[in-house]
Protein backbone atom coordinates (compact mmCIF):
# COMPACT_ATOMS: atom_id res chain seq x y z
CA UNK A 1 0.10 0.23 -0.07
CA UNK A 2 1.94 3.27 -1.19
CA UNK A 3 1.47 6.59 -0.23
CA UNK A 4 3.27 9.41 -1.92
CA UNK A 5 6.61 8.51 -0.45
CA UNK A 6 6.92 5.11 -2.12
CA UNK A 7 6.59 6.61 -5.21
CA UNK A 8 9.21 9.32 -4.61
CA UNK A 9 11.63 6.47 -3.84
CA UNK A 10 10.72 4.80 -7.26
CA UNK A 11 9.33 1.32 -4.76
CA UNK A 12 7.10 -0.04 -7.43
CA UNK A 13 9.88 -0.46 -9.88
CA UNK A 14 12.29 -1.86 -7.82
CA UNK A 15 10.56 -4.82 -6.50
CA UNK A 16 8.52 -6.95 -8.67
CA UNK A 17 5.45 -7.15 -6.42
CA UNK A 18 1.72 -6.09 -6.27
CA UNK A 19 1.13 -2.45 -4.95
CA UNK A 20 -1.86 -0.71 -4.18
CA UNK A 21 -2.59 3.04 -4.03
CA UNK A 22 -5.44 5.43 -3.94
CA UNK A 23 -6.76 7.58 -6.29
CA UNK A 24 -5.84 10.76 -4.27
CA UNK A 25 -2.28 9.72 -3.81
CA UNK A 26 -2.08 9.51 -7.62
CA UNK A 27 -3.48 12.86 -7.70
CA UNK A 28 -0.74 14.16 -5.22
CA UNK A 29 2.15 12.85 -7.66
CA UNK A 30 3.08 16.23 -8.93
CA UNK A 31 6.76 15.96 -9.83
CA UNK A 32 7.75 13.99 -13.08
CA UNK A 33 9.78 11.26 -11.51
CA UNK A 34 6.62 10.20 -9.49
CA UNK A 35 4.31 10.44 -12.28
CA UNK A 36 6.68 8.44 -14.35
CA UNK A 37 6.90 5.45 -11.77
CA UNK A 38 3.32 5.40 -11.14
CA UNK A 39 2.79 4.98 -15.07
CA UNK A 40 5.39 2.46 -15.53
CA UNK A 41 4.29 0.66 -12.70
CA UNK A 42 0.46 0.52 -14.06
CA UNK A 43 1.66 -0.75 -17.37
CA UNK A 44 3.91 -3.49 -16.01
CA UNK A 45 0.79 -4.65 -13.74
CA UNK A 46 2.49 -4.05 -10.34
CA UNK A 47 0.06 -1.26 -9.00
CA UNK A 48 -3.42 -1.37 -8.61
CA UNK A 49 -5.35 2.05 -7.96
CA UNK A 50 -8.40 1.27 -5.77
CA UNK A 51 -11.08 3.70 -3.79
CA UNK A 52 -11.80 2.33 -0.40
CA UNK A 53 -15.76 1.97 0.24
CA UNK A 54 -17.29 4.98 2.24
CA UNK A 55 -18.00 2.34 5.11
CA UNK A 56 -13.95 1.60 5.30
CA UNK A 57 -13.09 5.23 5.51
CA UNK A 58 -15.59 6.01 8.41
CA UNK A 59 -14.34 3.07 10.31
CA UNK A 60 -10.90 3.74 9.75
CA UNK A 61 -11.44 7.22 10.81
CA UNK A 62 -13.32 6.16 13.90
CA UNK A 63 -10.31 3.86 14.79
CA UNK A 64 -7.59 5.99 14.33
CA UNK A 65 -9.17 8.76 16.26
CA UNK A 66 -7.37 7.68 19.53
CA UNK A 67 -4.08 8.53 17.75
CA UNK A 68 -4.92 11.40 15.94
CA UNK A 69 -7.49 13.55 17.98
CA UNK A 70 -6.85 16.80 16.61
CA UNK A 71 -7.66 15.31 12.89
CA UNK A 72 -4.04 16.13 11.59
CA UNK A 73 -4.39 13.24 9.00
CA UNK A 74 -5.29 14.60 5.70
CA UNK A 75 -8.04 13.16 3.51
CA UNK A 76 -5.39 11.41 1.19
CA UNK A 77 -3.61 9.69 4.43
CA UNK A 78 -7.40 8.66 5.27
CA UNK A 79 -7.96 7.18 1.93
CA UNK A 80 -4.89 5.12 2.21
CA UNK A 81 -5.34 3.76 5.65
CA UNK A 82 -8.92 2.94 4.85
CA UNK A 83 -7.96 1.05 1.95
CA UNK A 84 -5.28 -0.85 3.94
CA UNK A 85 -7.94 -1.48 6.60
CA UNK A 86 -10.33 -2.77 3.80
CA UNK A 87 -7.36 -5.05 2.44
CA UNK A 88 -6.63 -6.50 5.91
CA UNK A 89 -10.05 -7.41 6.37
CA UNK A 90 -9.99 -8.84 3.21
CA UNK A 91 -7.25 -11.28 4.33
CA UNK A 92 -4.06 -9.54 2.34
CA UNK A 93 -1.03 -9.02 4.55
CA UNK A 94 -0.64 -5.33 4.20
CA UNK A 95 2.33 -2.96 4.54
CA UNK A 96 1.67 0.75 4.28
CA UNK A 97 4.63 2.42 2.74
CA UNK A 98 4.76 5.87 4.38
CA UNK A 99 7.12 8.49 5.78
CA UNK A 100 4.68 10.07 7.83
CA UNK A 101 4.90 9.08 11.53
CA UNK A 102 0.95 9.60 12.25
CA UNK A 103 -0.01 7.11 9.26
CA UNK A 104 2.70 4.69 10.18
CA UNK A 105 0.98 4.60 13.80
CA UNK A 106 -2.46 4.39 11.96
CA UNK A 107 -1.79 1.82 10.14
CA UNK A 108 -0.50 -0.57 13.06
CA UNK A 109 -3.77 0.31 14.77
CA UNK A 110 -5.67 -0.89 11.96
CA UNK A 111 -3.69 -4.05 11.73
CA UNK A 112 -1.28 -3.41 9.10
CA UNK A 113 2.45 -2.99 9.03
CA UNK A 114 4.46 -0.29 7.60
CA UNK A 115 7.48 0.48 5.91
CA UNK A 116 9.42 4.01 5.94
CA UNK A 117 11.47 4.71 2.53
CA UNK A 118 13.47 8.07 3.79
CA UNK A 119 12.92 8.28 7.51
CA UNK A 120 13.69 5.82 10.55
CA UNK A 121 9.99 5.30 11.13
CA UNK A 122 7.97 6.22 14.21
CA UNK A 123 8.95 3.02 16.66
CA UNK A 124 12.81 3.73 15.98
CA UNK A 125 12.72 7.57 15.86
CA UNK A 126 10.56 7.66 19.24
CA UNK A 127 13.13 5.22 20.71
CA UNK A 128 16.17 7.10 20.30
């Protein structure tokens, strides 16, 4: 499950596996490199774009409220997390690729794992 950080790092072209992302993430890819990564991953069949169901958006927002009481997660973040939650509930093993510590924490709350690409990740950053 990729947020924009996964595209910035070129991840879908480095590892030959299936990735998911949401429509809002693709809309945030403004630089040429990230757009090219997304286009190539789509053409290679490594990337699927999927919008989570409305009920998953609501349930994900409710579940992460405990770690985000001030509502700092963006609509794009929530869409990524809701899709991750939906995929977890469908039986997929989900790894959310994000450098955003709050998204990483929320992914864990929703039953997914996370992977940082340019940062340490929240558990390493907070334990130092």
